[in-house]
Amino acid sequence: MKPHLIIFAILIAGFIIYNFFFRIADDKTNTVINIAYASILFGYISFMAFSLLKKMKK
């Protein structure tokens, strides 16, 4: 489970760094990128939960 948390921390750090330093000037495009990145983050959270439930079932 520890590698999953490290990858998740890297993804969150990338999200924060993007929003602070690499923000696109166009608001609509920036919103689309933020929504896509947040969807990836939530998808990874669900993957971590699914893998944890599989480990608990064994």
Protein backbone atom coordinates (compact mmCIF):
# COMPACT_ATOMS: atom_id res chain seq x y z
CA MET A 1 0.00 0.00 0.00
CA LYS A 2 2.94 2.31 0.58
CA PRO A 3 3.85 2.62 -3.14
CA HIS A 4 0.26 3.65 -3.86
CA LEU A 5 0.45 6.43 -1.29
CA ILE A 6 3.76 7.67 -2.70
CA ILE A 7 2.31 7.81 -6.22
CA PHE A 8 -0.77 9.60 -4.86
CA ALA A 9 1.42 12.14 -3.05
CA ILE A 10 3.35 12.77 -6.29
CA LEU A 11 0.08 13.28 -8.18
CA ILE A 12 -1.17 15.78 -5.58
CA ALA A 13 2.16 17.60 -5.59
CA GLY A 14 1.95 17.81 -9.39
CA PHE A 15 -1.57 19.24 -9.13
CA ILE A 16 -0.44 21.91 -6.65
CA ILE A 17 2.67 22.78 -8.66
CA TYR A 18 0.61 23.10 -11.84
CA ASN A 19 -1.88 25.45 -10.19
CA PHE A 20 0.83 27.64 -8.67
CA PHE A 21 3.42 27.82 -11.42
CA PHE A 22 2.16 26.48 -14.77
CA ARG A 23 -1.34 27.89 -14.90
CA ILE A 24 -2.64 28.61 -18.40
CA ALA A 25 -3.87 32.15 -19.02
CA ASP A 26 -7.14 31.04 -20.65
CA ASP A 27 -9.63 30.37 -17.85
CA LYS A 28 -11.73 27.83 -19.77
CA THR A 29 -8.73 25.72 -20.77
CA ASN A 30 -7.32 25.93 -17.26
CA THR A 31 -10.64 24.75 -15.82
CA VAL A 32 -10.76 21.80 -18.23
CA ILE A 33 -7.21 20.79 -17.26
CA ASN A 34 -8.04 21.10 -13.54
CA ILE A 35 -11.17 18.97 -13.94
CA ALA A 36 -9.25 16.32 -15.89
CA TYR A 37 -6.45 16.22 -13.31
CA ALA A 38 -8.95 16.04 -10.44
CA SER A 39 -10.72 13.17 -12.23
CA ILE A 40 -7.42 11.31 -12.43
CA LEU A 41 -6.85 11.92 -8.71
CA PHE A 42 -10.31 10.64 -7.76
CA GLY A 43 -9.88 7.65 -10.07
CA TYR A 44 -6.62 6.80 -8.35
CA ILE A 45 -8.30 7.12 -4.95
CA SER A 46 -10.94 4.62 -6.06
CA PHE A 47 -8.22 2.29 -7.36
CA MET A 48 -6.44 2.45 -3.99
CA ALA A 49 -9.71 1.74 -2.15
CA PHE A 50 -10.49 -1.19 -4.46
CA SER A 51 -7.05 -2.71 -4.00
CA LEU A 52 -7.31 -2.25 -0.21
CA LEU A 53 -10.69 -4.00 -0.16
CA LYS A 54 -9.25 -6.88 -2.19
CA LYS A 55 -6.39 -7.23 0.32
CA MET A 56 -8.82 -7.13 3.26
CA LYS A 57 -10.99 -9.82 1.65
CA LYS A 58 -8.10 -12.32 1.58
